[in-house]
Amino acid sequence: MYYVYILKTADKRYVGYSSNLKRRIDEHSKGKVSSTKHKKPIELIYYEAYLKKESAQKRERNLKKFGSAYSSLTKRIDK
């Protein structure tokens, strides 16, 4: 399985993907990921599972564009 996830920090959200969600969240929490290293605490607020790596990568790219896909998803999450 491949996962697309959204993390929430004090001031931002971070979108990523991984084949091992638990390990990746642990890496973020321990400061091993440069993009979230100084943004603690980190909270997993959403994830989606995919069978194919390409599908997860495509979804991550769509969300990172912060267009309509990201806007509609964050509206659902924030409810």
PDB file of N, CA and C in Angstrom:
ATOM      1  N   MET A   1       0.840  -1.186   0.000  1.00  0.00           N
ATOM      2  CA  MET A   1       0.000   0.000   0.000  1.00  0.00           C
ATOM      3  C   MET A   1       0.885   1.250   0.000  1.00  0.00           C
ATOM      4  N   TYR A   2       0.321   2.305  -0.563  1.00  0.00           N
ATOM      5  CA  TYR A   2       0.976   3.614  -0.579  1.00  0.00           C
ATOM      6  C   TYR A   2      -0.008   4.617   0.005  1.00  0.00           C
ATOM      7  N   TYR A   3       0.512   5.554   0.749  1.00  0.00           N
ATOM      8  CA  TYR A   3      -0.337   6.479   1.486  1.00  0.00           C
ATOM      9  C   TYR A   3      -0.014   7.922   1.133  1.00  0.00           C
ATOM     10  N   VAL A   4      -1.060   8.704   0.954  1.00  0.00           N
ATOM     11  CA  VAL A   4      -0.945  10.154   0.841  1.00  0.00           C
ATOM     12  C   VAL A   4      -1.463  10.682   2.169  1.00  0.00           C
ATOM     13  N   TYR A   5      -0.722  11.595   2.767  1.00  0.00           N
ATOM     14  CA  TYR A   5      -1.101  12.056   4.096  1.00  0.00           C
ATOM     15  C   TYR A   5      -0.968  13.564   4.218  1.00  0.00           C
ATOM     16  N   ILE A   6      -1.679  14.097   5.198  1.00  0.00           N
ATOM     17  CA  ILE A   6      -1.583  15.522   5.518  1.00  0.00           C
ATOM     18  C   ILE A   6      -1.250  15.642   6.994  1.00  0.00           C
ATOM     19  N   LEU A   7      -0.188  16.388   7.262  1.00  0.00           N
ATOM     20  CA  LEU A   7       0.220  16.683   8.629  1.00  0.00           C
ATOM     21  C   LEU A   7      -0.115  18.128   8.940  1.00  0.00           C
ATOM     22  N   LYS A   8      -0.429  18.379  10.178  1.00  0.00           N
ATOM     23  CA  LYS A   8      -0.693  19.740  10.628  1.00  0.00           C
ATOM     24  C   LYS A   8       0.355  20.120  11.654  1.00  0.00           C
ATOM     25  N   THR A   9       0.944  21.299  11.461  1.00  0.00           N
ATOM     26  CA  THR A   9       1.866  21.858  12.446  1.00  0.00           C
ATOM     27  C   THR A   9       1.184  23.081  13.037  1.00  0.00           C
ATOM     28  N   ALA A  10       1.890  23.820  13.847  1.00  0.00           N
ATOM     29  CA  ALA A  10       1.302  24.992  14.490  1.00  0.00           C
ATOM     30  C   ALA A  10       0.813  26.027  13.472  1.00  0.00           C
ATOM     31  N   ASP A  11       1.522  26.152  12.353  1.00  0.00           N
ATOM     32  CA  ASP A  11       1.157  27.209  11.406  1.00  0.00           C
ATOM     33  C   ASP A  11       0.922  26.751   9.973  1.00  0.00           C
ATOM     34  N   LYS A  12       1.178  25.489   9.661  1.00  0.00           N
ATOM     35  CA  LYS A  12       1.060  25.029   8.278  1.00  0.00           C
ATOM     36  C   LYS A  12       0.563  23.599   8.202  1.00  0.00           C
ATOM     37  N   ARG A  13       0.310  23.200   6.955  1.00  0.00           N
ATOM     38  CA  ARG A  13       0.009  21.806   6.656  1.00  0.00           C
ATOM     39  C   ARG A  13       1.050  21.293   5.682  1.00  0.00           C
ATOM     40  N   TYR A  14       1.325  20.011   5.758  1.00  0.00           N
ATOM     41  CA  TYR A  14       2.326  19.381   4.913  1.00  0.00           C
ATOM     42  C   TYR A  14       1.688  18.168   4.251  1.00  0.00           C
ATOM     43  N   VAL A  15       1.828  18.043   2.939  1.00  0.00           N
ATOM     44  CA  VAL A  15       1.302  16.912   2.177  1.00  0.00           C
ATOM     45  C   VAL A  15       2.469  16.040   1.742  1.00  0.00           C
ATOM     46  N   GLY A  16       2.337  14.732   1.909  1.00  0.00           N
ATOM     47  CA  GLY A  16       3.378  13.815   1.484  1.00  0.00           C
ATOM     48  C   GLY A  16       2.808  12.453   1.135  1.00  0.00           C
ATOM     49  N   TYR A  17       3.687  11.551   0.696  1.00  0.00           N
ATOM     50  CA  TYR A  17       3.260  10.174   0.455  1.00  0.00           C
ATOM     51  C   TYR A  17       4.364   9.227   0.897  1.00  0.00           C
ATOM     52  N   SER A  18       3.969   8.001   1.208  1.00  0.00           N
ATOM     53  CA  SER A  18       4.929   7.004   1.683  1.00  0.00           C
ATOM     54  C   SER A  18       4.334   5.613   1.527  1.00  0.00           C
ATOM     55  N   SER A  19       5.214   4.625   1.454  1.00  0.00           N
ATOM     56  CA  SER A  19       4.756   3.237   1.444  1.00  0.00           C
ATOM     57  C   SER A  19       4.631   2.688   2.868  1.00  0.00           C
ATOM     58  N   ASN A  20       5.159   3.421   3.836  1.00  0.00           N
ATOM     59  CA  ASN A  20       5.085   3.005   5.235  1.00  0.00           C
ATOM     60  C   ASN A  20       4.687   4.221   6.065  1.00  0.00           C
ATOM     61  N   LEU A  21       3.406   4.387   6.247  1.00  0.00           N
ATOM     62  CA  LEU A  21       2.880   5.592   6.902  1.00  0.00           C
ATOM     63  C   LEU A  21       3.381   5.729   8.339  1.00  0.00           C
ATOM     64  N   LYS A  22       3.355   4.658   9.088  1.00  0.00           N
ATOM     65  CA  LYS A  22       3.785   4.728  10.487  1.00  0.00           C
ATOM     66  C   LYS A  22       5.247   5.181  10.607  1.00  0.00           C
ATOM     67  N   ARG A  23       6.115   4.588   9.787  1.00  0.00           N
ATOM     68  CA  ARG A  23       7.532   4.961   9.812  1.00  0.00           C
ATOM     69  C   ARG A  23       7.723   6.411   9.406  1.00  0.00           C
ATOM     70  N   ARG A  24       6.997   6.844   8.381  1.00  0.00           N
ATOM     71  CA  ARG A  24       7.161   8.211   7.887  1.00  0.00           C
ATOM     72  C   ARG A  24       6.694   9.238   8.916  1.00  0.00           C
ATOM     73  N   ILE A  25       5.593   8.979   9.585  1.00  0.00           N
ATOM     74  CA  ILE A  25       5.104   9.894  10.617  1.00  0.00           C
ATOM     75  C   ILE A  25       6.111   9.939  11.764  1.00  0.00           C
ATOM     76  N   ASP A  26       6.672   8.797  12.091  1.00  0.00           N
ATOM     77  CA  ASP A  26       7.698   8.726  13.136  1.00  0.00           C
ATOM     78  C   ASP A  26       8.913   9.580  12.743  1.00  0.00           C
ATOM     79  N   GLU A  27       9.324   9.511  11.481  1.00  0.00           N
ATOM     80  CA  GLU A  27      10.447  10.316  11.006  1.00  0.00           C
ATOM     81  C   GLU A  27      10.141  11.808  11.124  1.00  0.00           C
ATOM     82  N   HIS A  28       8.927  12.201  10.758  1.00  0.00           N
ATOM     83  CA  HIS A  28       8.528  13.604  10.906  1.00  0.00           C
ATOM     84  C   HIS A  28       8.579  14.013  12.374  1.00  0.00           C
ATOM     85  N   SER A  29       8.027  13.186  13.233  1.00  0.00           N
ATOM     86  CA  SER A  29       7.955  13.504  14.664  1.00  0.00           C
ATOM     87  C   SER A  29       9.328  13.615  15.316  1.00  0.00           C
ATOM     88  N   LYS A  30      10.277  12.840  14.846  1.00  0.00           N
ATOM     89  CA  LYS A  30      11.627  12.843  15.420  1.00  0.00           C
ATOM     90  C   LYS A  30      12.542  13.867  14.771  1.00  0.00           C
ATOM     91  N   GLY A  31      12.012  14.679  13.845  1.00  0.00           N
ATOM     92  CA  GLY A  31      12.815  15.726  13.222  1.00  0.00           C
ATOM     93  C   GLY A  31      13.759  15.240  12.140  1.00  0.00           C
ATOM     94  N   LYS A  32      13.493  14.092  11.556  1.00  0.00           N
ATOM     95  CA  LYS A  32      14.358  13.535  10.526  1.00  0.00           C
ATOM     96  C   LYS A  32      13.995  13.987   9.116  1.00  0.00           C
ATOM     97  N   VAL A  33      12.929  14.771   8.983  1.00  0.00           N
ATOM     98  CA  VAL A  33      12.492  15.267   7.676  1.00  0.00           C
ATOM     99  C   VAL A  33      12.730  16.768   7.657  1.00  0.00           C
ATOM    100  N   SER A  34      13.540  17.230   6.713  1.00  0.00           N
ATOM    101  CA  SER A  34      13.956  18.639   6.713  1.00  0.00           C
ATOM    102  C   SER A  34      12.795  19.624   6.609  1.00  0.00           C
ATOM    103  N   SER A  35      11.761  19.271   5.858  1.00  0.00           N
ATOM    104  CA  SER A  35      10.657  20.219   5.670  1.00  0.00           C
ATOM    105  C   SER A  35       9.809  20.423   6.924  1.00  0.00           C
ATOM    106  N   THR A  36       9.827  19.495   7.852  1.00  0.00           N
ATOM    107  CA  THR A  36       9.043  19.641   9.084  1.00  0.00           C
ATOM    108  C   THR A  36       9.912  19.576  10.345  1.00  0.00           C
ATOM    109  N   LYS A  37      11.207  19.616  10.166  1.00  0.00           N
ATOM    110  CA  LYS A  37      12.146  19.443  11.279  1.00  0.00           C
ATOM    111  C   LYS A  37      11.921  20.421  12.429  1.00  0.00           C
ATOM    112  N   HIS A  38      11.643  21.661  12.107  1.00  0.00           N
ATOM    113  CA  HIS A  38      11.497  22.693  13.136  1.00  0.00           C
ATOM    114  C   HIS A  38      10.044  23.124  13.317  1.00  0.00           C
ATOM    115  N   LYS A  39       9.125  22.264  12.985  1.00  0.00           N
ATOM    116  CA  LYS A  39       7.713  22.628  13.027  1.00  0.00           C
ATOM    117  C   LYS A  39       6.917  21.728  13.965  1.00  0.00           C
ATOM    118  N   LYS A  40       7.456  21.415  15.077  1.00  0.00           N
ATOM    119  CA  LYS A  40       6.778  20.536  16.027  1.00  0.00           C
ATOM    120  C   LYS A  40       5.824  21.323  16.905  1.00  0.00           C
ATOM    121  N   PRO A  41       4.780  20.739  17.416  1.00  0.00           N
ATOM    122  CA  PRO A  41       4.386  19.346  17.254  1.00  0.00           C
ATOM    123  C   PRO A  41       3.730  19.096  15.894  1.00  0.00           C
ATOM    124  N   ILE A  42       3.736  17.846  15.497  1.00  0.00           N
ATOM    125  CA  ILE A  42       3.162  17.419  14.223  1.00  0.00           C
ATOM    126  C   ILE A  42       1.998  16.493  14.510  1.00  0.00           C
ATOM    127  N   GLU A  43       0.908  16.699  13.768  1.00  0.00           N
ATOM    128  CA  GLU A  43      -0.286  15.882  13.955  1.00  0.00           C
ATOM    129  C   GLU A  43      -0.753  15.352  12.604  1.00  0.00           C
ATOM    130  N   LEU A  44      -0.951  14.058  12.506  1.00  0.00           N
ATOM    131  CA  LEU A  44      -1.528  13.461  11.306  1.00  0.00           C
ATOM    132  C   LEU A  44      -3.014  13.758  11.318  1.00  0.00           C
ATOM    133  N   ILE A  45      -3.503  14.477  10.306  1.00  0.00           N
ATOM    134  CA  ILE A  45      -4.917  14.835  10.298  1.00  0.00           C
ATOM    135  C   ILE A  45      -5.706  14.122   9.209  1.00  0.00           C
ATOM    136  N   TYR A  46      -4.999  13.484   8.244  1.00  0.00           N
ATOM    137  CA  TYR A  46      -5.713  12.829   7.157  1.00  0.00           C
ATOM    138  C   TYR A  46      -4.763  11.915   6.396  1.00  0.00           C
ATOM    139  N   TYR A  47      -5.301  10.800   5.893  1.00  0.00           N
ATOM    140  CA  TYR A  47      -4.530   9.973   4.972  1.00  0.00           C
ATOM    141  C   TYR A  47      -5.467   9.186   4.060  1.00  0.00           C
ATOM    142  N   GLU A  48      -4.941   8.809   2.907  1.00  0.00           N
ATOM    143  CA  GLU A  48      -5.629   7.984   1.926  1.00  0.00           C
ATOM    144  C   GLU A  48      -4.696   6.848   1.548  1.00  0.00           C
ATOM    145  N   ALA A  49      -5.237   5.673   1.249  1.00  0.00           N
ATOM    146  CA  ALA A  49      -4.435   4.514   0.866  1.00  0.00           C
ATOM    147  C   ALA A  49      -4.650   4.182  -0.610  1.00  0.00           C
ATOM    148  N   TYR A  50      -3.557   3.804  -1.278  1.00  0.00           N
ATOM    149  CA  TYR A  50      -3.586   3.450  -2.694  1.00  0.00           C
ATOM    150  C   TYR A  50      -2.831   2.148  -2.904  1.00  0.00           C
ATOM    151  N   LEU A  51      -3.264   1.378  -3.900  1.00  0.00           N
ATOM    152  CA  LEU A  51      -2.583   0.134  -4.229  1.00  0.00           C
ATOM    153  C   LEU A  51      -1.331   0.376  -5.055  1.00  0.00           C
ATOM    154  N   LYS A  52      -1.357   1.407  -5.883  1.00  0.00           N
ATOM    155  CA  LYS A  52      -0.235   1.667  -6.781  1.00  0.00           C
ATOM    156  C   LYS A  52       0.512   2.936  -6.379  1.00  0.00           C
ATOM    157  N   LYS A  53       1.826   2.857  -6.457  1.00  0.00           N
ATOM    158  CA  LYS A  53       2.677   3.997  -6.131  1.00  0.00           C
ATOM    159  C   LYS A  53       2.361   5.189  -7.025  1.00  0.00           C
ATOM    160  N   GLU A  54       2.141   4.927  -8.297  1.00  0.00           N
ATOM    161  CA  GLU A  54       1.856   6.003  -9.249  1.00  0.00           C
ATOM    162  C   GLU A  54       0.580   6.760  -8.888  1.00  0.00           C
ATOM    163  N   SER A  55      -0.418   6.052  -8.392  1.00  0.00           N
ATOM    164  CA  SER A  55      -1.676   6.688  -7.989  1.00  0.00           C
ATOM    165  C   SER A  55      -1.459   7.613  -6.792  1.00  0.00           C
ATOM    166  N   ALA A  56      -0.677   7.159  -5.830  1.00  0.00           N
ATOM    167  CA  ALA A  56      -0.379   7.978  -4.653  1.00  0.00           C
ATOM    168  C   ALA A  56       0.432   9.209  -5.045  1.00  0.00           C
ATOM    169  N   GLN A  57       1.403   9.030  -5.915  1.00  0.00           N
ATOM    170  CA  GLN A  57       2.225  10.160  -6.358  1.00  0.00           C
ATOM    171  C   GLN A  57       1.379  11.185  -7.116  1.00  0.00           C
ATOM    172  N   LYS A  58       0.477  10.716  -7.938  1.00  0.00           N
ATOM    173  CA  LYS A  58      -0.397  11.627  -8.696  1.00  0.00           C
ATOM    174  C   LYS A  58      -1.292  12.425  -7.750  1.00  0.00           C
ATOM    175  N   ARG A  59      -1.865  11.749  -6.777  1.00  0.00           N
ATOM    176  CA  ARG A  59      -2.731  12.429  -5.803  1.00  0.00           C
ATOM    177  C   ARG A  59      -1.937  13.451  -4.987  1.00  0.00           C
ATOM    178  N   GLU A  60      -0.733  13.089  -4.574  1.00  0.00           N
ATOM    179  CA  GLU A  60       0.114  14.017  -3.825  1.00  0.00           C
ATOM    180  C   GLU A  60       0.398  15.266  -4.663  1.00  0.00           C
ATOM    181  N   ARG A  61       0.757  15.083  -5.916  1.00  0.00           N
ATOM    182  CA  ARG A  61       1.025  16.225  -6.803  1.00  0.00           C
ATOM    183  C   ARG A  61      -0.199  17.119  -6.933  1.00  0.00           C
ATOM    184  N   ASN A  62      -1.376  16.504  -7.092  1.00  0.00           N
ATOM    185  CA  ASN A  62      -2.609  17.288  -7.211  1.00  0.00           C
ATOM    186  C   ASN A  62      -2.880  18.101  -5.955  1.00  0.00           C
ATOM    187  N   LEU A  63      -2.664  17.509  -4.810  1.00  0.00           N
ATOM    188  CA  LEU A  63      -2.893  18.229  -3.556  1.00  0.00           C
ATOM    189  C   LEU A  63      -1.850  19.319  -3.335  1.00  0.00           C
ATOM    190  N   LYS A  64      -0.612  19.069  -3.733  1.00  0.00           N
ATOM    191  CA  LYS A  64       0.444  20.064  -3.522  1.00  0.00           C
ATOM    192  C   LYS A  64       0.278  21.296  -4.394  1.00  0.00           C
ATOM    193  N   LYS A  65      -0.485  21.177  -5.444  1.00  0.00           N
ATOM    194  CA  LYS A  65      -0.758  22.351  -6.275  1.00  0.00           C
ATOM    195  C   LYS A  65      -1.674  23.327  -5.535  1.00  0.00           C
ATOM    196  N   PHE A  66      -2.278  22.862  -4.449  1.00  0.00           N
ATOM    197  CA  PHE A  66      -3.178  23.657  -3.619  1.00  0.00           C
ATOM    198  C   PHE A  66      -4.296  24.300  -4.441  1.00  0.00           C
ATOM    199  N   GLY A  67      -4.809  23.526  -5.375  1.00  0.00           N
ATOM    200  CA  GLY A  67      -5.928  23.969  -6.199  1.00  0.00           C
ATOM    201  C   GLY A  67      -7.233  23.492  -5.617  1.00  0.00           C
ATOM    202  N   SER A  68      -8.168  23.202  -6.494  1.00  0.00           N
ATOM    203  CA  SER A  68      -9.502  22.811  -6.054  1.00  0.00           C
ATOM    204  C   SER A  68      -9.497  21.481  -5.308  1.00  0.00           C
ATOM    205  N   ALA A  69      -8.618  20.561  -5.675  1.00  0.00           N
ATOM    206  CA  ALA A  69      -8.547  19.277  -4.973  1.00  0.00           C
ATOM    207  C   ALA A  69      -8.172  19.486  -3.509  1.00  0.00           C
ATOM    208  N   TYR A  70      -7.183  20.331  -3.265  1.00  0.00           N
ATOM    209  CA  TYR A  70      -6.741  20.611  -1.897  1.00  0.00           C
ATOM    210  C   TYR A  70      -7.815  21.380  -1.130  1.00  0.00           C
ATOM    211  N   SER A  71      -8.412  22.363  -1.774  1.00  0.00           N
ATOM    212  CA  SER A  71      -9.439  23.185  -1.111  1.00  0.00           C
ATOM    213  C   SER A  71     -10.636  22.349  -0.681  1.00  0.00           C
ATOM    214  N   SER A  72     -11.126  21.491  -1.573  1.00  0.00           N
ATOM    215  CA  SER A  72     -12.294  20.690  -1.217  1.00  0.00           C
ATOM    216  C   SER A  72     -11.952  19.677  -0.125  1.00  0.00           C
ATOM    217  N   LEU A  73     -10.748  19.126  -0.149  1.00  0.00           N
ATOM    218  CA  LEU A  73     -10.341  18.187   0.891  1.00  0.00           C
ATOM    219  C   LEU A  73     -10.214  18.876   2.241  1.00  0.00           C
ATOM    220  N   THR A  74      -9.604  20.038   2.291  1.00  0.00           N
ATOM    221  CA  THR A  74      -9.436  20.733   3.581  1.00  0.00           C
ATOM    222  C   THR A  74     -10.782  21.183   4.140  1.00  0.00           C
ATOM    223  N   LYS A  75     -11.737  21.473   3.286  1.00  0.00           N
ATOM    224  CA  LYS A  75     -13.089  21.807   3.784  1.00  0.00           C
ATOM    225  C   LYS A  75     -13.694  20.623   4.500  1.00  0.00           C
ATOM    226  N   ARG A  76     -13.491  19.414   3.956  1.00  0.00           N
ATOM    227  CA  ARG A  76     -14.016  18.210   4.600  1.00  0.00           C
ATOM    228  C   ARG A  76     -13.275  17.921   5.908  1.00  0.00           C
ATOM    229  N   ILE A  77     -11.973  18.109   5.926  1.00  0.00           N
ATOM    230  CA  ILE A  77     -11.170  17.827   7.114  1.00  0.00           C
ATOM    231  C   ILE A  77     -11.509  18.797   8.246  1.00  0.00           C
ATOM    232  N   ASP A  78     -11.698  20.056   7.922  1.00  0.00           N
ATOM    233  CA  ASP A  78     -11.901  21.084   8.937  1.00  0.00           C
ATOM    234  C   ASP A  78     -13.285  21.078   9.569  1.00  0.00           C
ATOM    235  N   LYS A  79     -14.173  20.249   9.099  1.00  0.00           N
ATOM    236  CA  LYS A  79     -15.526  20.227   9.676  1.00  0.00           C
ATOM    237  C   LYS A  79     -15.546  19.590  11.025  1.00  0.00           C
TER     238      LYS A  79
END
